[in-house]
Amino acid sequence: MALSWKWLVIDCTDPAPVAGFWADVLGVRAEPDQDGDWIVVSPDSSVKLLFERVPEAKTIKNRLHLDLSPSSPDEQRTEVERLLALGATRADVGQTGEESWVVLADPAGNEFCVLSGKG
């Protein structure tokens, strides 16, 4: 018997705007489900993002985060600027400044990285 990966569940106090942010990031639509949660499906993955309402706000660094890769190494800066315009913020999780990736946070404070596109 084997398992398959279906959902990556992201807790947030207000799922709709966070799901909307990620839908804009991935160039897809966010859809509500019958439970009041929000679903975002990445066009290049079978894994779905599920934004689930919880009563408490995020307080510590994520134990799990998304790494996003631009289609080419030259696009990292452009993508970071686009994500900041969509509502992302820069996040400090102890970087040295020598990393090839950029750490950002979504509107709910969930950290994610934008890779250099080099691999």
C-alpha atoms as a PDB file:
ATOM      1  CA  MET A   1       0.000   0.000   0.000  1.00  0.00           C
ATOM      2  CA  ALA A   2       1.247   3.511  -0.786  1.00  0.00           C
ATOM      3  CA  LEU A   3       0.055   7.004  -0.007  1.00  0.00           C
ATOM      4  CA  SER A   4      -0.207   9.945  -2.352  1.00  0.00           C
ATOM      5  CA  TRP A   5       0.189  13.590  -1.453  1.00  0.00           C
ATOM      6  CA  LYS A   6      -3.020  15.545  -1.946  1.00  0.00           C
ATOM      7  CA  TRP A   7      -3.026  18.703   0.213  1.00  0.00           C
ATOM      8  CA  LEU A   8      -0.641  21.136   1.797  1.00  0.00           C
ATOM      9  CA  VAL A   9      -2.786  22.729   4.508  1.00  0.00           C
ATOM     10  CA  ILE A  10      -1.943  26.282   5.553  1.00  0.00           C
ATOM     11  CA  ASP A  11      -3.532  27.600   8.740  1.00  0.00           C
ATOM     12  CA  CYS A  12      -4.583  31.245   8.780  1.00  0.00           C
ATOM     13  CA  THR A  13      -7.047  33.441  10.632  1.00  0.00           C
ATOM     14  CA  ASP A  14      -8.589  34.784   7.401  1.00  0.00           C
ATOM     15  CA  PRO A  15      -8.198  32.278   4.533  1.00  0.00           C
ATOM     16  CA  ALA A  16      -9.722  34.256   1.649  1.00  0.00           C
ATOM     17  CA  PRO A  17      -7.050  36.973   1.265  1.00  0.00           C
ATOM     18  CA  VAL A  18      -4.178  34.547   1.863  1.00  0.00           C
ATOM     19  CA  ALA A  19      -5.580  32.119  -0.722  1.00  0.00           C
ATOM     20  CA  GLY A  20      -6.074  35.074  -3.084  1.00  0.00           C
ATOM     21  CA  PHE A  21      -2.440  36.093  -2.618  1.00  0.00           C
ATOM     22  CA  TRP A  22      -1.215  32.578  -3.454  1.00  0.00           C
ATOM     23  CA  ALA A  23      -3.572  32.312  -6.419  1.00  0.00           C
ATOM     24  CA  ASP A  24      -2.073  35.548  -7.779  1.00  0.00           C
ATOM     25  CA  VAL A  25       1.454  34.242  -7.104  1.00  0.00           C
ATOM     26  CA  LEU A  26       0.766  31.040  -9.047  1.00  0.00           C
ATOM     27  CA  GLY A  27      -1.438  32.616 -11.732  1.00  0.00           C
ATOM     28  CA  VAL A  28      -4.532  30.572 -10.867  1.00  0.00           C
ATOM     29  CA  ARG A  29      -7.908  31.129  -9.147  1.00  0.00           C
ATOM     30  CA  ALA A  30      -8.718  30.538  -5.499  1.00  0.00           C
ATOM     31  CA  GLU A  31     -11.940  28.613  -4.967  1.00  0.00           C
ATOM     32  CA  PRO A  32     -13.958  28.305  -1.742  1.00  0.00           C
ATOM     33  CA  ASP A  33     -15.027  24.848  -0.617  1.00  0.00           C
ATOM     34  CA  GLN A  34     -18.175  23.850   1.235  1.00  0.00           C
ATOM     35  CA  ASP A  35     -16.418  24.138   4.638  1.00  0.00           C
ATOM     36  CA  GLY A  36     -15.464  27.793   4.198  1.00  0.00           C
ATOM     37  CA  ASP A  37     -11.830  26.972   3.477  1.00  0.00           C
ATOM     38  CA  TRP A  38     -10.106  28.075   0.290  1.00  0.00           C
ATOM     39  CA  ILE A  39      -8.356  25.934  -2.283  1.00  0.00           C
ATOM     40  CA  VAL A  40      -5.561  26.930  -4.658  1.00  0.00           C
ATOM     41  CA  VAL A  41      -4.338  24.463  -7.265  1.00  0.00           C
ATOM     42  CA  SER A  42      -0.902  25.009  -8.758  1.00  0.00           C
ATOM     43  CA  PRO A  43      -0.964  24.507 -12.535  1.00  0.00           C
ATOM     44  CA  ASP A  44       2.253  22.458 -12.461  1.00  0.00           C
ATOM     45  CA  SER A  45       1.584  20.207  -9.475  1.00  0.00           C
ATOM     46  CA  SER A  46      -0.880  17.620  -8.283  1.00  0.00           C
ATOM     47  CA  VAL A  47      -0.568  19.058  -4.769  1.00  0.00           C
ATOM     48  CA  LYS A  48      -3.333  21.455  -3.776  1.00  0.00           C
ATOM     49  CA  LEU A  49      -2.963  24.245  -1.241  1.00  0.00           C
ATOM     50  CA  LEU A  50      -5.784  24.325   1.303  1.00  0.00           C
ATOM     51  CA  PHE A  51      -6.139  27.489   3.392  1.00  0.00           C
ATOM     52  CA  GLU A  52      -7.924  26.592   6.605  1.00  0.00           C
ATOM     53  CA  ARG A  53      -9.336  29.010   9.167  1.00  0.00           C
ATOM     54  CA  VAL A  54      -7.843  28.774  12.667  1.00  0.00           C
ATOM     55  CA  PRO A  55      -8.481  31.105  15.614  1.00  0.00           C
ATOM     56  CA  GLU A  56      -4.861  31.933  16.451  1.00  0.00           C
ATOM     57  CA  ALA A  57      -2.362  33.988  14.447  1.00  0.00           C
ATOM     58  CA  LYS A  58       1.038  32.651  13.397  1.00  0.00           C
ATOM     59  CA  THR A  59       3.668  33.347  16.056  1.00  0.00           C
ATOM     60  CA  ILE A  60       6.872  31.457  15.159  1.00  0.00           C
ATOM     61  CA  LYS A  61       8.923  30.565  12.084  1.00  0.00           C
ATOM     62  CA  ASN A  62       7.346  27.944   9.824  1.00  0.00           C
ATOM     63  CA  ARG A  63       8.578  24.374  10.139  1.00  0.00           C
ATOM     64  CA  LEU A  64       7.580  23.804   6.519  1.00  0.00           C
ATOM     65  CA  HIS A  65       7.754  26.339   3.703  1.00  0.00           C
ATOM     66  CA  LEU A  66       7.435  26.599  -0.055  1.00  0.00           C
ATOM     67  CA  ASP A  67      10.416  27.184  -2.334  1.00  0.00           C
ATOM     68  CA  LEU A  68       9.442  28.880  -5.592  1.00  0.00           C
ATOM     69  CA  SER A  69      11.699  28.815  -8.615  1.00  0.00           C
ATOM     70  CA  PRO A  70      11.619  31.380 -11.424  1.00  0.00           C
ATOM     71  CA  SER A  71      11.775  29.994 -14.941  1.00  0.00           C
ATOM     72  CA  SER A  72      15.247  31.474 -15.432  1.00  0.00           C
ATOM     73  CA  PRO A  73      18.053  32.756 -13.167  1.00  0.00           C
ATOM     74  CA  ASP A  74      17.574  36.294 -14.471  1.00  0.00           C
ATOM     75  CA  GLU A  75      13.964  36.486 -13.211  1.00  0.00           C
ATOM     76  CA  GLN A  76      14.509  36.227  -9.441  1.00  0.00           C
ATOM     77  CA  ARG A  77      14.613  39.994  -8.850  1.00  0.00           C
ATOM     78  CA  THR A  78      11.593  40.611 -11.096  1.00  0.00           C
ATOM     79  CA  GLU A  79       9.601  37.889  -9.324  1.00  0.00           C
ATOM     80  CA  VAL A  80      10.533  39.200  -5.873  1.00  0.00           C
ATOM     81  CA  GLU A  81       9.368  42.686  -6.890  1.00  0.00           C
ATOM     82  CA  ARG A  82       6.113  41.221  -8.252  1.00  0.00           C
ATOM     83  CA  LEU A  83       5.491  39.281  -5.043  1.00  0.00           C
ATOM     84  CA  LEU A  84       6.180  42.343  -2.899  1.00  0.00           C
ATOM     85  CA  ALA A  85       3.660  44.293  -5.000  1.00  0.00           C
ATOM     86  CA  LEU A  86       1.105  41.502  -4.403  1.00  0.00           C
ATOM     87  CA  GLY A  87       1.480  41.860  -0.623  1.00  0.00           C
ATOM     88  CA  ALA A  88       4.479  39.751   0.360  1.00  0.00           C
ATOM     89  CA  THR A  89       6.965  41.190   2.833  1.00  0.00           C
ATOM     90  CA  ARG A  90      10.649  40.501   3.339  1.00  0.00           C
ATOM     91  CA  ALA A  91      11.274  38.043   6.166  1.00  0.00           C
ATOM     92  CA  ASP A  92      14.322  37.551   8.362  1.00  0.00           C
ATOM     93  CA  VAL A  93      14.829  33.956   9.441  1.00  0.00           C
ATOM     94  CA  GLY A  94      18.543  34.331  10.141  1.00  0.00           C
ATOM     95  CA  GLN A  95      19.937  34.800   6.658  1.00  0.00           C
ATOM     96  CA  THR A  96      23.549  35.926   6.318  1.00  0.00           C
ATOM     97  CA  GLY A  97      23.035  37.877   3.088  1.00  0.00           C
ATOM     98  CA  GLU A  98      25.140  35.386   1.145  1.00  0.00           C
ATOM     99  CA  GLU A  99      22.212  33.136   0.210  1.00  0.00           C
ATOM    100  CA  SER A 100      21.164  32.686  -3.400  1.00  0.00           C
ATOM    101  CA  TRP A 101      17.491  32.749  -2.346  1.00  0.00           C
ATOM    102  CA  VAL A 102      15.247  35.515  -1.026  1.00  0.00           C
ATOM    103  CA  VAL A 103      13.003  34.907   1.990  1.00  0.00           C
ATOM    104  CA  LEU A 104       9.565  36.510   1.895  1.00  0.00           C
ATOM    105  CA  ALA A 105       6.358  36.094   3.892  1.00  0.00           C
ATOM    106  CA  ASP A 106       2.782  35.958   2.645  1.00  0.00           C
ATOM    107  CA  PRO A 107       0.096  38.270   4.108  1.00  0.00           C
ATOM    108  CA  ALA A 108      -0.447  35.820   7.012  1.00  0.00           C
ATOM    109  CA  GLY A 109       3.275  35.796   7.840  1.00  0.00           C
ATOM    110  CA  ASN A 110       4.077  32.365   6.350  1.00  0.00           C
ATOM    111  CA  GLU A 111       7.650  32.367   5.099  1.00  0.00           C
ATOM    112  CA  PHE A 112       8.597  31.158   1.630  1.00  0.00           C
ATOM    113  CA  CYS A 113      11.684  31.392  -0.558  1.00  0.00           C
ATOM    114  CA  VAL A 114      12.249  32.589  -4.092  1.00  0.00           C
ATOM    115  CA  LEU A 115      15.163  30.616  -5.454  1.00  0.00           C
ATOM    116  CA  SER A 116      17.774  31.966  -7.837  1.00  0.00           C
ATOM    117  CA  GLY A 117      16.510  29.771 -10.667  1.00  0.00           C
ATOM    118  CA  LYS A 118      19.923  28.096 -10.898  1.00  0.00           C
ATOM    119  CA  GLY A 119      18.668  24.718  -9.865  1.00  0.00           C
END
